[in-house]
N, C-alpha and C. Protein backbone atom coordinates (compact mmCIF):
# COMPACT_ATOMS: atom_id res chain seq x y z
N MET A 1 1.97 7.74 13.63
CA MET A 1 3.11 8.73 13.37
C MET A 1 3.71 8.40 11.81
N LYS A 2 3.91 9.22 11.37
CA LYS A 2 4.83 9.62 9.87
C LYS A 2 6.06 10.00 10.27
N ILE A 3 6.88 9.66 9.91
CA ILE A 3 8.41 10.25 9.52
C ILE A 3 8.44 10.14 7.92
N LEU A 4 9.14 11.75 7.65
CA LEU A 4 9.45 12.25 6.16
C LEU A 4 10.95 11.80 6.23
N VAL A 5 11.57 11.07 5.00
CA VAL A 5 12.38 10.88 4.90
C VAL A 5 13.20 11.47 3.80
N PHE A 6 14.37 12.54 3.88
CA PHE A 6 14.85 13.17 2.82
C PHE A 6 16.23 12.77 2.52
N GLY A 7 16.98 13.07 1.15
CA GLY A 7 17.85 12.78 1.14
C GLY A 7 18.24 12.82 -0.62
N ASN A 8 19.23 12.59 -0.80
CA ASN A 8 19.71 12.56 -2.30
C ASN A 8 20.59 11.53 -2.63
N PRO A 9 20.19 10.10 -3.34
CA PRO A 9 20.77 9.47 -3.63
C PRO A 9 21.91 9.82 -4.87
N LEU A 10 21.79 10.81 -5.25
CA LEU A 10 23.11 11.13 -6.19
C LEU A 10 24.50 11.26 -5.41
N LEU A 11 24.76 12.23 -4.48
CA LEU A 11 25.26 12.53 -3.18
C LEU A 11 25.38 11.56 -1.73
N LYS A 12 26.53 11.26 -1.75
CA LYS A 12 26.99 10.01 -1.45
C LYS A 12 26.61 10.68 0.37
N GLN A 13 27.04 11.94 0.09
CA GLN A 13 27.12 12.77 1.64
C GLN A 13 25.54 12.94 2.17
N ASP A 14 24.70 13.10 1.20
CA ASP A 14 23.51 12.97 1.47
C ASP A 14 22.42 11.72 1.11
N SER A 15 22.87 10.77 1.31
CA SER A 15 22.38 9.73 1.25
C SER A 15 21.62 8.32 2.06
N LEU A 16 22.42 9.15 2.96
CA LEU A 16 22.04 7.82 4.09
C LEU A 16 20.99 7.24 4.95
N PRO A 17 20.21 8.72 4.93
CA PRO A 17 18.58 8.54 5.16
C PRO A 17 17.80 7.88 4.34
N LEU A 18 18.16 7.78 2.64
CA LEU A 18 17.26 6.70 1.90
C LEU A 18 17.63 5.49 2.03
N LYS A 19 19.28 5.08 2.03
CA LYS A 19 19.58 4.40 2.45
C LYS A 19 19.16 2.90 3.65
N LEU A 20 18.69 4.03 4.52
CA LEU A 20 18.06 3.17 5.77
C LEU A 20 16.76 3.02 5.97
N LEU A 21 16.16 3.33 4.66
CA LEU A 21 14.54 3.53 4.69
C LEU A 21 14.12 1.96 4.80
N PRO A 22 14.65 1.03 3.96
CA PRO A 22 14.23 -0.20 4.25
C PRO A 22 14.57 -0.96 5.48
N LYS A 23 15.30 -0.60 6.28
CA LYS A 23 15.53 -1.20 7.77
C LYS A 23 14.65 -0.51 8.61
N LEU A 24 14.75 0.50 8.51
CA LEU A 24 14.14 1.62 9.46
C LEU A 24 12.25 1.09 9.21
N LYS A 25 11.63 0.70 8.18
CA LYS A 25 10.64 0.21 7.85
C LYS A 25 10.20 -1.18 8.17
N SER A 26 11.26 -2.02 8.49
CA SER A 26 11.20 -3.59 9.24
C SER A 26 11.13 -3.16 9.87
N LEU A 27 12.34 -2.44 10.85
CA LEU A 27 12.19 -2.39 12.87
C LEU A 27 11.28 -1.59 13.21
N TYR A 28 10.49 -0.88 12.55
CA TYR A 28 9.14 0.43 12.62
C TYR A 28 8.30 -0.32 11.95
N PRO A 29 7.57 -1.51 11.93
CA PRO A 29 6.37 -1.03 11.22
C PRO A 29 5.14 -0.74 11.24
N ASN A 30 5.18 0.04 12.22
CA ASN A 30 3.99 0.81 13.01
C ASN A 30 4.03 2.17 12.50
N ILE A 31 5.25 2.76 12.48
CA ILE A 31 5.64 3.92 11.53
C ILE A 31 5.60 3.90 10.18
N GLU A 32 4.95 4.98 9.35
CA GLU A 32 4.79 5.03 8.24
C GLU A 32 6.51 5.95 7.82
N PHE A 33 7.12 5.44 7.21
CA PHE A 33 8.56 6.42 6.63
C PHE A 33 8.15 6.46 5.36
N LYS A 34 8.09 8.05 4.90
CA LYS A 34 7.86 8.40 3.64
C LYS A 34 8.56 8.95 3.08
N GLU A 35 9.03 9.05 1.70
CA GLU A 35 10.01 9.43 1.18
C GLU A 35 9.56 10.82 -0.07
N ILE A 36 10.51 11.75 0.89
CA ILE A 36 9.90 12.62 -0.18
C ILE A 36 10.64 14.01 -0.14
N ASP A 37 10.44 14.86 -1.61
CA ASP A 37 11.51 16.30 -1.78
C ASP A 37 11.06 16.87 -0.60
N PRO A 38 12.20 17.72 -0.40
CA PRO A 38 12.03 18.48 0.86
C PRO A 38 11.33 19.99 0.09
N THR A 39 10.87 20.21 -1.24
CA THR A 39 10.87 21.35 -1.77
C THR A 39 9.41 21.02 -2.26
N GLU A 40 8.49 19.70 -2.13
CA GLU A 40 7.41 19.56 -2.88
C GLU A 40 6.19 19.11 -1.73
N ASP A 41 5.19 19.47 -1.51
CA ASP A 41 4.11 18.97 -1.13
C ASP A 41 4.31 19.05 0.30
N LEU A 42 5.33 19.56 1.25
CA LEU A 42 5.07 19.75 2.64
C LEU A 42 3.84 20.13 3.52
N ASP A 43 3.36 20.82 2.48
CA ASP A 43 2.05 21.44 3.13
C ASP A 43 0.71 20.42 3.12
N LYS A 44 1.26 19.26 3.13
CA LYS A 44 -0.06 18.41 2.81
C LYS A 44 0.46 17.27 3.90
N GLN A 45 1.45 17.56 4.44
CA GLN A 45 1.95 16.25 5.26
C GLN A 45 1.41 16.31 6.82
N GLY A 46 0.37 17.30 6.88
CA GLY A 46 0.21 17.70 8.31
C GLY A 46 0.66 18.79 8.87
N ARG A 47 0.46 19.12 9.81
CA ARG A 47 0.93 20.15 11.13
C ARG A 47 1.88 20.41 11.80
N HIS A 48 2.33 18.86 12.16
CA HIS A 48 3.37 18.67 13.16
C HIS A 48 4.18 17.77 12.25
N LEU A 49 5.38 17.95 11.71
CA LEU A 49 6.22 17.46 10.94
C LEU A 49 6.98 16.90 12.07
N ILE A 50 7.97 15.62 11.40
CA ILE A 50 8.73 14.58 11.88
C ILE A 50 9.63 14.58 10.29
N ILE A 51 10.53 14.67 10.46
CA ILE A 51 11.83 14.68 9.25
C ILE A 51 13.10 13.88 9.81
N LEU A 52 13.38 13.38 8.81
CA LEU A 52 14.73 12.80 9.29
C LEU A 52 15.48 12.71 7.83
N ASP A 53 16.69 13.73 7.94
CA ASP A 53 17.56 14.19 7.25
C ASP A 53 18.84 14.38 7.43
N THR A 54 19.81 14.43 6.56
CA THR A 54 21.51 14.38 6.84
C THR A 54 21.25 16.13 7.30
N VAL A 55 22.62 16.52 7.96
CA VAL A 55 22.75 17.61 8.17
C VAL A 55 24.24 17.71 8.81
N LYS A 56 24.33 18.99 7.78
CA LYS A 56 25.73 19.52 7.82
C LYS A 56 26.30 20.31 9.56
N GLY A 57 27.31 19.87 9.95
CA GLY A 57 28.00 20.49 11.18
C GLY A 57 27.60 20.05 12.44
N ILE A 58 27.27 18.62 12.52
CA ILE A 58 26.81 17.88 13.82
C ILE A 58 27.63 16.81 13.69
N ASP A 59 27.61 16.40 14.76
CA ASP A 59 29.23 14.90 15.23
C ASP A 59 28.16 13.63 15.69
N LYS A 60 26.57 13.71 15.80
CA LYS A 60 25.42 12.59 16.35
C LYS A 60 24.49 12.85 16.28
N VAL A 61 23.28 11.75 15.77
CA VAL A 61 22.16 12.12 15.90
C VAL A 61 21.58 13.21 16.88
N THR A 62 21.20 14.21 15.50
CA THR A 62 20.64 15.21 16.87
C THR A 62 19.53 15.80 16.47
N THR A 63 18.47 15.94 17.44
CA THR A 63 16.90 16.34 17.29
C THR A 63 16.34 17.78 17.26
N ILE A 64 16.28 18.48 16.01
CA ILE A 64 16.02 19.92 16.18
C ILE A 64 14.46 20.49 16.10
N THR A 65 14.50 20.75 17.36
CA THR A 65 12.77 21.10 17.23
C THR A 65 12.08 22.43 17.35
N SER A 66 13.11 23.23 16.45
CA SER A 66 13.02 24.70 16.37
C SER A 66 13.25 25.10 15.15
N ILE A 67 12.28 25.70 14.27
CA ILE A 67 12.72 26.15 13.17
C ILE A 67 13.83 27.59 13.16
N ASP A 68 13.89 28.25 13.87
CA ASP A 68 14.71 29.17 13.93
C ASP A 68 16.17 28.38 14.27
N GLN A 69 16.26 27.22 14.72
CA GLN A 69 17.52 26.25 15.01
C GLN A 69 18.15 26.44 12.89
N LEU A 70 17.47 26.61 12.16
CA LEU A 70 17.87 26.49 10.60
C LEU A 70 18.12 27.58 10.15
N HIS A 71 19.31 27.27 9.34
CA HIS A 71 19.87 28.39 8.60
C HIS A 71 19.31 28.46 7.10
N ALA A 72 18.40 29.53 6.85
CA ALA A 72 18.39 29.20 5.33
C ALA A 72 19.31 29.68 4.48
N ASN A 73 19.97 29.35 3.56
CA ASN A 73 20.94 29.44 2.47
C ASN A 73 20.62 30.36 1.99
N LYS A 74 21.78 31.18 1.19
CA LYS A 74 21.14 32.24 -0.12
C LYS A 74 20.60 31.57 -1.15
N ILE A 75 19.75 32.08 -1.61
CA ILE A 75 19.23 31.57 -2.91
C ILE A 75 19.79 32.15 -3.75
N TYR A 76 20.31 31.53 -5.02
CA TYR A 76 20.53 32.06 -6.02
C TYR A 76 20.22 31.38 -7.26
N SER A 77 19.33 30.29 -7.46
CA SER A 77 18.67 29.55 -8.12
C SER A 77 17.76 28.49 -7.34
N MET A 78 16.72 28.20 -8.35
CA MET A 78 15.66 27.21 -7.56
C MET A 78 16.24 25.91 -6.76
N HIS A 79 17.55 25.52 -7.41
CA HIS A 79 18.30 24.39 -6.59
C HIS A 79 18.84 24.72 -5.27
N ASP A 80 18.58 26.01 -5.12
CA ASP A 80 19.37 26.42 -3.49
C ASP A 80 18.27 26.69 -2.43
N PHE A 81 16.90 26.51 -3.26
CA PHE A 81 15.57 26.75 -2.47
C PHE A 81 15.99 25.60 -1.38
N ASP A 82 16.08 26.13 -0.30
CA ASP A 82 16.42 24.39 0.85
C ASP A 82 15.01 24.23 1.73
N LEU A 83 15.48 23.24 2.55
CA LEU A 83 14.11 22.57 3.53
C LEU A 83 14.05 24.05 4.56
N ALA A 84 15.33 24.42 4.99
CA ALA A 84 15.07 25.46 6.28
C ALA A 84 14.17 26.45 5.43
N LEU A 85 14.38 27.19 4.48
CA LEU A 85 13.55 28.44 4.01
C LEU A 85 12.15 27.82 3.91
N ASN A 86 12.16 26.68 3.06
CA ASN A 86 10.41 26.11 3.11
C ASN A 86 9.55 26.08 4.25
N LEU A 87 10.32 25.44 5.26
CA LEU A 87 9.68 25.02 6.76
C LEU A 87 9.37 26.64 7.22
N LYS A 88 10.33 27.64 7.13
CA LYS A 88 10.26 28.87 7.80
C LYS A 88 8.70 29.69 6.79
N LEU A 89 8.58 29.17 5.71
CA LEU A 89 7.55 29.90 5.03
C LEU A 89 6.11 29.57 5.27
N LEU A 90 6.44 27.99 5.61
CA LEU A 90 5.43 27.03 5.75
C LEU A 90 4.80 27.68 7.22
N LYS A 91 5.39 28.03 8.41
CA LYS A 91 5.38 28.69 9.61
C LYS A 91 4.97 29.63 9.69
N LYS A 92 5.32 30.96 8.66
CA LYS A 92 5.13 31.94 8.60
C LYS A 92 3.68 32.37 8.04
N LEU A 93 2.91 31.16 7.29
CA LEU A 93 1.82 31.47 7.08
C LEU A 93 0.82 30.48 7.21
N ASN A 94 1.07 29.73 8.79
CA ASN A 94 0.67 29.23 9.18
C ASN A 94 -0.05 27.53 8.88
N ILE A 95 0.83 27.06 7.80
CA ILE A 95 0.38 25.70 7.41
C ILE A 95 1.00 24.61 8.32
N ILE A 96 2.24 25.05 8.52
CA ILE A 96 2.48 23.75 9.87
C ILE A 96 2.61 24.55 10.99
N ASP A 97 2.60 23.86 12.57
CA ASP A 97 2.63 24.22 13.63
C ASP A 97 4.07 24.02 14.18
N SER A 98 4.79 22.54 13.66
CA SER A 98 5.94 22.58 14.61
C SER A 98 6.39 21.31 13.65
N VAL A 99 8.03 21.67 14.06
CA VAL A 99 8.69 20.01 13.35
C VAL A 99 9.65 19.88 13.91
N LYS A 100 9.89 18.85 13.70
CA LYS A 100 11.29 17.96 14.51
C LYS A 100 11.77 17.47 13.62
N ILE A 101 13.22 17.78 13.35
CA ILE A 101 14.07 17.29 12.51
C ILE A 101 15.19 16.57 13.16
N ILE A 102 14.99 14.94 12.59
CA ILE A 102 16.23 13.96 13.28
C ILE A 102 17.52 14.12 12.19
N GLY A 103 18.21 15.17 12.35
CA GLY A 103 19.66 15.20 11.95
C GLY A 103 20.92 14.35 11.88
N ILE A 104 20.86 13.56 10.57
CA ILE A 104 21.95 12.41 10.89
C ILE A 104 23.20 13.08 10.31
N PRO A 105 24.56 13.18 10.95
CA PRO A 105 25.64 14.24 10.48
C PRO A 105 26.47 13.02 9.08
N MET A 106 26.78 14.05 7.94
CA MET A 106 27.09 13.62 7.11
C MET A 106 28.62 12.52 7.15
N ASN A 107 28.54 11.93 6.44
CA ASN A 107 29.37 10.80 6.59
C ASN A 107 29.55 9.84 7.80
N TYR A 108 28.14 9.78 8.39
CA TYR A 108 27.80 8.71 9.09
C TYR A 108 28.02 7.48 8.71
N THR A 109 28.07 6.40 9.43
CA THR A 109 28.18 4.85 9.19
C THR A 109 26.47 4.68 9.29
N GLU A 110 25.96 3.83 8.50
CA GLU A 110 24.93 3.16 8.55
C GLU A 110 24.83 2.50 10.04
N LYS A 111 25.83 2.01 10.52
CA LYS A 111 25.80 1.29 12.17
C LYS A 111 25.42 2.11 12.67
N GLU A 112 26.35 3.43 12.61
CA GLU A 112 26.33 4.29 14.01
C GLU A 112 24.88 4.54 13.86
N THR A 113 24.23 5.04 12.61
CA THR A 113 23.32 5.95 12.58
C THR A 113 21.80 5.26 13.14
N LEU A 114 22.18 3.68 13.04
CA LEU A 114 21.16 2.80 13.19
C LEU A 114 21.04 2.60 14.80
N THR A 115 22.09 2.63 15.55
CA THR A 115 22.05 2.44 16.77
C THR A 115 21.84 3.31 17.48
N GLN A 116 21.97 4.93 17.12
CA GLN A 116 21.47 6.06 17.70
C GLN A 116 20.46 6.35 17.42
N LEU A 117 19.72 6.10 16.51
CA LEU A 117 17.87 6.18 16.04
C LEU A 117 16.97 4.87 16.35
N SER A 118 17.61 3.98 16.97
CA SER A 118 16.80 2.72 17.71
C SER A 118 16.94 3.46 19.10
N LYS A 119 17.38 4.45 19.63
CA LYS A 119 17.33 5.08 21.43
C LYS A 119 16.35 5.99 20.88
N LEU A 120 16.24 6.93 19.58
CA LEU A 120 15.70 8.07 19.57
C LEU A 120 14.07 7.84 19.01
N ILE A 121 13.99 7.31 18.16
CA ILE A 121 13.04 6.90 17.32
C ILE A 121 11.62 6.61 18.32
N PRO A 122 11.47 5.74 19.44
CA PRO A 122 10.85 5.24 19.87
C PRO A 122 10.28 6.28 20.98
N THR A 123 10.61 7.54 21.44
CA THR A 123 10.63 8.78 22.01
C THR A 123 9.87 9.30 21.45
N LEU A 124 9.78 9.21 20.38
CA LEU A 124 9.20 10.75 19.27
C LEU A 124 7.50 10.55 19.41
N HIS A 125 6.64 9.38 19.66
CA HIS A 125 5.65 8.99 19.92
C HIS A 125 5.12 10.12 21.15
N SER A 126 5.82 9.84 22.21
CA SER A 126 5.93 10.38 23.70
C SER A 126 5.87 11.69 23.75
N GLN A 127 6.60 12.53 22.81
CA GLN A 127 7.28 14.13 22.30
C GLN A 127 5.73 14.69 21.55
N LEU A 128 5.07 13.74 20.95
CA LEU A 128 4.36 14.61 20.11
C LEU A 128 3.13 15.27 20.68
């Protein structure tokens, strides 16, 4: 199983998934955790994606299982091209079949996140 990890190390509110990467790799050595930019190479990651990312507007670690649950922001520049729009395009082009996004609330602590992820991650393989 592979989990794609997104985040921006320059933005505190969006850096937690990347900070957790070494601990997650240690806790789950049989899972491939892969740091990736959400606008690059998603089409090469398989037809069923599992993504770990920070999500605005949630209050606990949440699994999003439908692309329709994602909101694409208005695009004013290439910087605004976001994950939701990219996933919707890949789905429409029949490049991916499904996506699970493990959403981490903004400004969550490492401890809170790891506690919740430790309950969720072991169940992911059975959900594929």
